[in-house]
């Protein structure tokens, strides 16, 4: 697992320091920034996170936080093919279907989310930050988080 796509809930845990999730989410984000790994976020998640962030912090702070995310992660495109795939998906939540399709089309190996049950019909496996970290510690013990 070298390429992962983050669901917005995990990134918001870090940006808003939401307890008790921030520690595991931050460790997963940190891992994704290590050389040889690639963390991604779906393009639509950026706008969704802005909407949430600006209600919690001011507009300028929200923009700074999202700029940090845009520097740390690759933005996965939302293309016609991604939308078509999401529209045909058996997933009940359309936004989650778009996230799953974006992860698949960008060739992510895993989608990192705290809402695994929402992604049971995902095109790629969905794991929690804790599950990702457990997988890494079992398969790549040399990685320090």
Protein backbone atom coordinates (compact mmCIF):
# COMPACT_ATOMS: atom_id res chain seq x y z
CA UNK A 1 0.00 0.00 0.00
CA UNK A 2 1.82 3.09 -1.21
CA UNK A 3 -0.96 5.25 -2.70
CA UNK A 4 -3.96 6.12 -0.55
CA UNK A 5 -6.90 8.48 -0.84
CA UNK A 6 -8.18 10.22 2.28
CA UNK A 7 -11.86 10.75 2.92
CA UNK A 8 -12.60 14.25 4.15
CA UNK A 9 -13.60 13.04 7.63
CA UNK A 10 -10.04 11.91 8.36
CA UNK A 11 -8.53 15.16 7.12
CA UNK A 12 -11.03 17.22 9.11
CA UNK A 13 -10.03 15.23 12.20
CA UNK A 14 -6.52 16.56 11.74
CA UNK A 15 -7.39 20.10 10.67
CA UNK A 16 -9.91 20.63 13.46
CA UNK A 17 -8.03 18.49 16.01
CA UNK A 18 -11.15 16.44 16.62
CA UNK A 19 -10.90 14.10 19.58
CA UNK A 20 -10.47 11.21 19.93
CA UNK A 21 -9.63 10.79 16.23
CA UNK A 22 -6.86 13.33 15.62
CA UNK A 23 -3.89 11.18 16.70
CA UNK A 24 -4.57 8.18 14.45
CA UNK A 25 -5.66 10.39 11.55
CA UNK A 26 -2.53 12.55 11.85
CA UNK A 27 -0.30 9.46 11.93
CA UNK A 28 -1.93 8.13 8.76
CA UNK A 29 -1.51 11.52 7.09
CA UNK A 30 2.11 11.66 8.21
CA UNK A 31 2.76 8.21 6.72
CA UNK A 32 1.28 9.33 3.39
CA UNK A 33 3.79 12.18 3.18
CA UNK A 34 6.84 9.95 3.60
CA UNK A 35 9.04 9.42 0.52
CA UNK A 36 7.74 6.58 -1.64
CA UNK A 37 4.13 7.10 -0.55
CA UNK A 38 1.41 9.21 -2.09
CA UNK A 39 -1.56 10.58 -0.24
CA UNK A 40 -4.47 11.94 -2.21
CA UNK A 41 -7.73 13.75 -1.63
CA UNK A 42 -10.63 13.90 -4.08
CA UNK A 43 -11.12 17.35 -5.60
CA UNK A 44 -14.71 17.64 -4.40
CA UNK A 45 -13.58 17.01 -0.83
CA UNK A 46 -11.61 20.27 -0.87
CA UNK A 47 -14.76 22.33 -1.47
CA UNK A 48 -16.73 20.29 1.06
CA UNK A 49 -14.01 20.76 3.68
CA UNK A 50 -13.92 24.50 3.01
CA UNK A 51 -17.64 24.73 3.71
CA UNK A 52 -17.18 22.92 7.04
CA UNK A 53 -13.96 24.70 8.02
CA UNK A 54 -15.22 28.23 7.39
CA UNK A 55 -18.04 27.57 9.83
CA UNK A 56 -15.53 26.51 12.51
CA UNK A 57 -12.73 28.99 11.80
CA UNK A 58 -12.65 32.15 9.73
CA UNK A 59 -12.37 32.13 5.94
CA UNK A 60 -8.65 32.97 5.91
CA UNK A 61 -7.81 30.21 8.38
CA UNK A 62 -9.85 27.75 6.33
CA UNK A 63 -7.93 28.72 3.21
CA UNK A 64 -4.58 28.30 5.00
CA UNK A 65 -5.56 24.86 6.29
CA UNK A 66 -6.66 23.71 2.85
CA UNK A 67 -3.50 25.10 1.27
CA UNK A 68 -1.55 22.87 3.65
CA UNK A 69 -3.61 19.87 2.53
CA UNK A 70 -3.08 20.79 -1.13
CA UNK A 71 0.68 20.92 -0.52
CA UNK A 72 0.79 17.59 1.34
CA UNK A 73 -1.59 15.61 -0.85
CA UNK A 74 -2.22 15.13 -4.55
CA UNK A 75 -5.68 16.24 -5.62
CA UNK A 76 -7.49 13.41 -7.42
CA UNK A 77 -9.50 14.71 -10.36
CA UNK A 78 -13.25 14.43 -10.59
CA UNK A 79 -13.71 13.66 -14.26
CA UNK A 80 -16.67 12.62 -16.37
CA UNK A 81 -15.59 9.00 -15.93
CA UNK A 82 -15.50 9.39 -12.13
CA UNK A 83 -18.99 10.91 -12.10
CA UNK A 84 -20.34 8.24 -14.47
CA UNK A 85 -18.90 5.53 -12.24
CA UNK A 86 -20.38 7.14 -9.11
CA UNK A 87 -23.80 7.48 -10.76
CA UNK A 88 -23.75 3.77 -11.59
CA UNK A 89 -22.49 2.75 -8.16
CA UNK A 90 -24.55 0.71 -5.73
CA UNK A 91 -23.36 2.98 -2.91
CA UNK A 92 -26.25 4.84 -1.31
CA UNK A 93 -24.42 8.12 -0.60
CA UNK A 94 -23.49 9.89 -3.83
CA UNK A 95 -20.62 11.89 -2.32
CA UNK A 96 -19.09 8.67 -0.98
CA UNK A 97 -19.57 7.05 -4.40
CA UNK A 98 -17.66 9.94 -5.99
CA UNK A 99 -14.89 9.56 -3.41
CA UNK A 100 -14.68 5.82 -4.10
CA UNK A 101 -14.62 6.35 -7.87
CA UNK A 102 -11.96 9.06 -7.55
CA UNK A 103 -9.83 6.67 -5.49
CA UNK A 104 -10.28 3.90 -8.04
CA UNK A 105 -9.57 6.05 -11.09
CA UNK A 106 -6.46 7.49 -9.43
CA UNK A 107 -5.29 3.95 -8.66
CA UNK A 108 -5.26 4.28 -4.89
CA UNK A 109 -4.77 1.01 -3.08
CA UNK A 110 -6.86 2.04 -0.09
CA UNK A 111 -9.41 4.65 0.84
CA UNK A 112 -8.82 5.91 4.38
CA UNK A 113 -12.05 6.81 6.19
CA UNK A 114 -13.68 6.58 9.59
CA UNK A 115 -16.95 5.68 7.88
CA UNK A 116 -16.05 2.22 6.63
CA UNK A 117 -19.64 1.01 6.64
CA UNK A 118 -20.52 3.76 4.14
CA UNK A 119 -17.90 2.32 1.79
CA UNK A 120 -18.83 -1.38 1.99
CA UNK A 121 -19.61 -1.31 -1.77
CA UNK A 122 -16.55 0.78 -2.60
CA UNK A 123 -14.50 0.04 -5.69
CA UNK A 124 -11.40 -0.23 -3.49
CA UNK A 125 -10.94 -1.30 0.14
CA UNK A 126 -11.83 1.27 2.78
CA UNK A 127 -9.85 1.19 6.02
CA UNK A 128 -9.82 3.35 9.12
CA UNK A 129 -6.66 5.24 10.04
CA UNK A 130 -6.07 2.67 12.82
CA UNK A 131 -6.47 -0.24 10.39
CA UNK A 132 -4.02 1.38 7.97
CA UNK A 133 -1.49 1.91 10.74
CA UNK A 134 -1.93 -1.67 11.96
CA UNK A 135 -1.39 -2.94 8.40
CA UNK A 136 1.76 -0.84 8.07
CA UNK A 137 3.19 -2.00 11.39
CA UNK A 138 2.60 -5.62 10.38
CA UNK A 139 4.03 -5.36 6.87
CA UNK A 140 6.56 -2.53 7.04
CA UNK A 141 7.97 -2.35 10.58
CA UNK A 142 10.77 -0.01 9.56
CA UNK A 143 8.32 2.88 9.06
CA UNK A 144 8.26 5.17 12.09
CA UNK A 145 5.16 7.32 12.54
